């Protein structure tokens, strides 16, 4: 019975002990990367929307400052 309880506790700990932290980046750096990616995605969506509605002349360039 003790072994069964021990296995259950270890399985529960293994299930809930998964982390999303990356060892290469601090939480602040990771948040900045995610925000930058979302920002660029939204800016590209605005470019696509403007292109569909013909609000700007056709071009392969974006008006946004992209690093």
C-alpha atoms as a PDB file:
ATOM      1  CA  UNK A   1       0.000   0.000   0.000  1.00  0.00           C
ATOM      2  CA  UNK A   2       2.829   2.376   0.805  1.00  0.00           C
ATOM      3  CA  UNK A   3       4.445   1.722  -2.547  1.00  0.00           C
ATOM      4  CA  UNK A   4       1.185   2.529  -4.331  1.00  0.00           C
ATOM      5  CA  UNK A   5       0.861   5.817  -2.445  1.00  0.00           C
ATOM      6  CA  UNK A   6       4.516   6.624  -3.176  1.00  0.00           C
ATOM      7  CA  UNK A   7       4.042   5.929  -6.883  1.00  0.00           C
ATOM      8  CA  UNK A   8       0.911   8.109  -6.875  1.00  0.00           C
ATOM      9  CA  UNK A   9       2.754  10.979  -5.187  1.00  0.00           C
ATOM     10  CA  UNK A  10       5.691  10.723  -7.583  1.00  0.00           C
ATOM     11  CA  UNK A  11       3.381  10.617 -10.611  1.00  0.00           C
ATOM     12  CA  UNK A  12       1.486  13.646  -9.309  1.00  0.00           C
ATOM     13  CA  UNK A  13       4.702  15.540  -8.658  1.00  0.00           C
ATOM     14  CA  UNK A  14       6.003  14.683 -12.111  1.00  0.00           C
ATOM     15  CA  UNK A  15       2.755  15.819 -13.714  1.00  0.00           C
ATOM     16  CA  UNK A  16       2.548  19.150 -11.928  1.00  0.00           C
ATOM     17  CA  UNK A  17       6.281  19.870 -11.842  1.00  0.00           C
ATOM     18  CA  UNK A  18       6.632  20.792 -15.507  1.00  0.00           C
ATOM     19  CA  UNK A  19       7.955  24.259 -16.098  1.00  0.00           C
ATOM     20  CA  UNK A  20       7.786  26.714 -18.940  1.00  0.00           C
ATOM     21  CA  UNK A  21      10.940  28.566 -18.012  1.00  0.00           C
ATOM     22  CA  UNK A  22      13.728  28.624 -20.542  1.00  0.00           C
ATOM     23  CA  UNK A  23      17.224  28.538 -19.095  1.00  0.00           C
ATOM     24  CA  UNK A  24      18.582  30.846 -21.783  1.00  0.00           C
ATOM     25  CA  UNK A  25      16.366  33.851 -21.031  1.00  0.00           C
ATOM     26  CA  UNK A  26      15.177  35.593 -17.914  1.00  0.00           C
ATOM     27  CA  UNK A  27      11.418  36.111 -17.560  1.00  0.00           C
ATOM     28  CA  UNK A  28      11.825  39.773 -18.545  1.00  0.00           C
ATOM     29  CA  UNK A  29      13.784  38.898 -21.691  1.00  0.00           C
ATOM     30  CA  UNK A  30      11.303  36.165 -22.594  1.00  0.00           C
ATOM     31  CA  UNK A  31       8.398  38.582 -22.179  1.00  0.00           C
ATOM     32  CA  UNK A  32      10.159  41.143 -24.390  1.00  0.00           C
ATOM     33  CA  UNK A  33      10.684  38.501 -27.109  1.00  0.00           C
ATOM     34  CA  UNK A  34       7.027  37.480 -27.011  1.00  0.00           C
ATOM     35  CA  UNK A  35       5.820  41.101 -27.072  1.00  0.00           C
ATOM     36  CA  UNK A  36       8.125  41.945 -29.989  1.00  0.00           C
ATOM     37  CA  UNK A  37       6.883  38.938 -31.961  1.00  0.00           C
ATOM     38  CA  UNK A  38       3.221  39.793 -31.342  1.00  0.00           C
ATOM     39  CA  UNK A  39       3.875  43.425 -32.229  1.00  0.00           C
ATOM     40  CA  UNK A  40       5.478  42.523 -35.553  1.00  0.00           C
ATOM     41  CA  UNK A  41       2.639  40.120 -36.310  1.00  0.00           C
ATOM     42  CA  UNK A  42       0.024  42.807 -35.715  1.00  0.00           C
ATOM     43  CA  UNK A  43       1.964  45.314 -37.815  1.00  0.00           C
ATOM     44  CA  UNK A  44       2.135  42.825 -40.681  1.00  0.00           C
ATOM     45  CA  UNK A  45      -1.610  42.248 -40.348  1.00  0.00           C
ATOM     46  CA  UNK A  46      -2.166  46.020 -40.646  1.00  0.00           C
ATOM     47  CA  UNK A  47       0.029  46.039 -43.774  1.00  0.00           C
ATOM     48  CA  UNK A  48      -2.025  43.182 -45.257  1.00  0.00           C
ATOM     49  CA  UNK A  49      -5.304  44.895 -44.416  1.00  0.00           C
ATOM     50  CA  UNK A  50      -4.140  48.156 -45.980  1.00  0.00           C
ATOM     51  CA  UNK A  51      -2.983  46.260 -49.056  1.00  0.00           C
ATOM     52  CA  UNK A  52      -6.348  44.526 -49.469  1.00  0.00           C
ATOM     53  CA  UNK A  53      -8.227  47.820 -49.151  1.00  0.00           C
ATOM     54  CA  UNK A  54      -5.723  49.570 -51.447  1.00  0.00           C
ATOM     55  CA  UNK A  55      -5.011  52.246 -48.847  1.00  0.00           C
ATOM     56  CA  UNK A  56      -1.335  52.424 -49.783  1.00  0.00           C
ATOM     57  CA  UNK A  57       0.480  51.942 -53.070  1.00  0.00           C
ATOM     58  CA  UNK A  58       1.563  48.351 -53.743  1.00  0.00           C
ATOM     59  CA  UNK A  59       4.968  47.540 -52.345  1.00  0.00           C
ATOM     60  CA  UNK A  60       6.881  44.678 -50.791  1.00  0.00           C
ATOM     61  CA  UNK A  61       8.188  47.010 -48.079  1.00  0.00           C
ATOM     62  CA  UNK A  62       6.633  47.767 -44.734  1.00  0.00           C
ATOM     63  CA  UNK A  63       6.256  51.213 -43.203  1.00  0.00           C
ATOM     64  CA  UNK A  64       7.187  49.845 -39.782  1.00  0.00           C
ATOM     65  CA  UNK A  65      10.690  50.002 -38.372  1.00  0.00           C
ATOM     66  CA  UNK A  66      11.762  46.366 -38.265  1.00  0.00           C
ATOM     67  CA  UNK A  67      15.109  45.347 -36.815  1.00  0.00           C
END
